[in-house]
């Protein structure tokens, strides 16, 4: 689910820039001029194979990520990897955010930078304290509110949410 969330946000950002998004089963079957290779940094996937082929150091710490802009065989590649599902989601959300910064729809990845990150703190939490039941429940049952709220938390790398009922 975290990876699907990140992929969805990246596809949405590209579509909002007017980019046609095609999915391919493998790098060899991709026909676009720019290809996003997204996957875990270990295992048998295309992301892990590219990391090995290019002799990059894969991210190993929990929730860590690696983003690289490359050229391979005449194709522009954006390699988006994570050590685990959350790391990959964070990488995809970062790329999606930067696609929104692009000055030209013809170059949607112009603001994407080579990045390698790992969290300094393993727990990044937010606590909500609820004291006014009517006000809290007006938000609690609002799915759109939670979708926006949790998107912001994910984009800012929070990995825990605690709700404390004070009434």
Protein backbone atom coordinates (compact mmCIF):
# COMPACT_ATOMS: atom_id res chain seq x y z
CA UNK A 1 0.00 0.00 0.00
CA UNK A 2 2.72 2.64 0.69
CA UNK A 3 4.27 2.08 -2.74
CA UNK A 4 0.88 2.22 -4.48
CA UNK A 5 0.19 5.52 -2.67
CA UNK A 6 3.49 6.99 -3.87
CA UNK A 7 2.98 5.74 -7.43
CA UNK A 8 -0.51 7.21 -7.47
CA UNK A 9 0.80 10.62 -6.39
CA UNK A 10 3.56 10.54 -9.03
CA UNK A 11 1.13 9.58 -11.80
CA UNK A 12 -1.26 12.32 -10.70
CA UNK A 13 1.54 14.93 -10.68
CA UNK A 14 2.62 13.89 -14.18
CA UNK A 15 -0.93 13.94 -15.54
CA UNK A 16 -1.48 17.39 -14.04
CA UNK A 17 1.56 18.54 -16.05
CA UNK A 18 0.01 17.09 -19.22
CA UNK A 19 2.35 14.10 -19.40
CA UNK A 20 0.99 10.85 -20.80
CA UNK A 21 1.85 8.05 -18.37
CA UNK A 22 2.45 4.57 -19.71
CA UNK A 23 3.29 1.53 -17.62
CA UNK A 24 5.69 -1.13 -18.89
CA UNK A 25 6.46 -4.53 -17.42
CA UNK A 26 10.20 -4.07 -17.88
CA UNK A 27 12.77 -1.43 -18.74
CA UNK A 28 13.35 -3.04 -22.13
CA UNK A 29 9.65 -2.76 -23.03
CA UNK A 30 9.44 0.94 -22.10
CA UNK A 31 9.12 3.13 -25.20
CA UNK A 32 8.99 6.65 -23.76
CA UNK A 33 11.89 9.08 -23.97
CA UNK A 34 12.04 9.32 -20.19
CA UNK A 35 11.49 6.25 -18.05
CA UNK A 36 10.90 6.11 -14.31
CA UNK A 37 12.28 2.93 -12.78
CA UNK A 38 10.77 2.53 -9.33
CA UNK A 39 11.44 -0.35 -7.01
CA UNK A 40 13.15 -1.68 -3.94
CA UNK A 41 16.92 -1.37 -3.84
CA UNK A 42 17.34 -5.07 -3.11
CA UNK A 43 15.86 -8.18 -4.67
CA UNK A 44 15.30 -9.09 -8.29
CA UNK A 45 13.50 -5.97 -9.55
CA UNK A 46 14.63 -3.49 -12.18
CA UNK A 47 15.63 -0.92 -9.54
CA UNK A 48 17.93 -3.35 -7.75
CA UNK A 49 19.41 -4.55 -11.07
CA UNK A 50 20.17 -0.96 -12.12
CA UNK A 51 21.82 -0.21 -8.79
CA UNK A 52 24.05 -3.27 -9.22
CA UNK A 53 24.79 -2.51 -12.89
CA UNK A 54 25.72 1.12 -12.15
CA UNK A 55 27.66 0.11 -9.04
CA UNK A 56 25.68 2.43 -6.80
CA UNK A 57 25.50 1.91 -3.06
CA UNK A 58 21.95 0.78 -2.31
CA UNK A 59 20.11 2.30 0.63
CA UNK A 60 20.00 -0.24 3.45
CA UNK A 61 18.66 1.54 6.54
CA UNK A 62 14.93 1.35 7.21
CA UNK A 63 12.93 3.97 5.26
CA UNK A 64 15.98 5.16 3.31
CA UNK A 65 15.84 6.14 -0.34
CA UNK A 66 17.93 6.78 -3.46
CA UNK A 67 16.95 8.91 -6.47
CA UNK A 68 19.20 9.26 -9.53
CA UNK A 69 18.73 10.86 -12.94
CA UNK A 70 20.64 8.83 -15.55
CA UNK A 71 21.05 8.18 -19.24
CA UNK A 72 21.19 4.60 -20.45
CA UNK A 73 21.00 3.44 -24.04
CA UNK A 74 19.79 6.83 -25.26
CA UNK A 75 16.96 6.93 -22.73
CA UNK A 76 16.67 9.32 -19.84
CA UNK A 77 16.02 7.35 -16.66
CA UNK A 78 14.82 8.45 -13.26
CA UNK A 79 15.80 5.73 -10.79
CA UNK A 80 13.59 5.86 -7.69
CA UNK A 81 14.40 3.25 -5.04
CA UNK A 82 13.90 2.62 -1.37
CA UNK A 83 15.27 0.13 1.11
CA UNK A 84 11.70 -0.87 1.98
CA UNK A 85 8.14 0.04 1.01
CA UNK A 86 8.09 3.23 3.09
CA UNK A 87 11.45 4.38 1.76
CA UNK A 88 10.23 3.85 -1.80
CA UNK A 89 7.00 5.72 -1.01
CA UNK A 90 9.01 8.67 0.38
CA UNK A 91 11.15 8.69 -2.78
CA UNK A 92 8.09 8.61 -5.05
CA UNK A 93 6.41 11.40 -3.08
CA UNK A 94 9.58 13.50 -3.34
CA UNK A 95 9.73 13.02 -7.13
CA UNK A 96 6.00 13.80 -7.43
CA UNK A 97 6.47 17.01 -5.45
CA UNK A 98 9.36 18.09 -7.67
CA UNK A 99 7.41 17.30 -10.85
CA UNK A 100 4.98 19.96 -9.64
CA UNK A 101 7.87 22.46 -9.43
CA UNK A 102 8.90 21.99 -13.09
CA UNK A 103 8.79 25.17 -15.12
CA UNK A 104 8.03 23.34 -18.36
CA UNK A 105 5.56 20.54 -18.98
CA UNK A 106 8.00 19.25 -21.61
CA UNK A 107 10.60 18.63 -18.91
CA UNK A 108 8.63 17.37 -15.91
CA UNK A 109 11.72 15.94 -14.17
CA UNK A 110 13.85 19.10 -14.47
CA UNK A 111 13.64 19.81 -10.73
CA UNK A 112 14.34 16.22 -9.63
CA UNK A 113 17.74 16.03 -7.95
CA UNK A 114 20.02 13.11 -7.19
CA UNK A 115 19.16 12.30 -3.61
CA UNK A 116 20.19 9.80 -0.98
CA UNK A 117 18.46 9.98 2.38
CA UNK A 118 18.03 7.98 5.52
CA UNK A 119 16.06 9.03 8.57
CA UNK A 120 18.00 10.50 11.46
CA UNK A 121 15.31 9.42 13.91
CA UNK A 122 13.58 6.06 13.49
CA UNK A 123 10.33 7.30 15.08
CA UNK A 124 8.83 10.51 13.71
CA UNK A 125 5.49 10.90 15.40
CA UNK A 126 2.69 13.37 15.79
CA UNK A 127 0.25 13.38 18.71
CA UNK A 128 -3.28 14.72 18.50
CA UNK A 129 -5.09 15.61 21.72
CA UNK A 130 -8.86 15.79 21.49
CA UNK A 131 -10.78 17.75 24.10
CA UNK A 132 -13.83 19.09 22.30
CA UNK A 133 -15.87 16.07 21.27
CA UNK A 134 -18.18 17.83 18.82
CA UNK A 135 -15.32 19.58 17.03
CA UNK A 136 -13.16 16.45 16.95
CA UNK A 137 -15.93 14.22 15.64
CA UNK A 138 -16.72 16.71 12.86
CA UNK A 139 -13.22 15.96 11.53
CA UNK A 140 -12.94 12.35 12.68
CA UNK A 141 -15.68 11.11 10.33
CA UNK A 142 -14.53 13.20 7.34
CA UNK A 143 -12.64 10.89 4.94
CA UNK A 144 -11.46 13.78 2.73
CA UNK A 145 -9.95 15.48 5.78
CA UNK A 146 -7.98 12.34 6.70
CA UNK A 147 -6.82 11.78 3.13
CA UNK A 148 -5.33 15.30 3.03
CA UNK A 149 -3.98 15.09 6.58
CA UNK A 150 -2.29 11.72 6.12
CA UNK A 151 -0.87 12.82 2.73
CA UNK A 152 0.86 15.72 4.46
CA UNK A 153 2.23 13.43 7.17
CA UNK A 154 3.57 10.95 4.60
CA UNK A 155 5.11 13.66 2.46
CA UNK A 156 6.88 15.07 5.51
CA UNK A 157 8.15 11.62 6.55
CA UNK A 158 6.08 11.13 9.71
CA UNK A 159 5.73 7.43 10.40
CA UNK A 160 3.47 7.39 13.45
CA UNK A 161 0.27 9.10 14.53
CA UNK A 162 -1.14 8.93 18.06
CA UNK A 163 -4.65 10.14 18.85
CA UNK A 164 -5.35 10.76 22.52
CA UNK A 165 -8.97 11.18 23.50
CA UNK A 166 -9.26 13.74 26.27
CA UNK A 167 -13.00 13.68 26.73
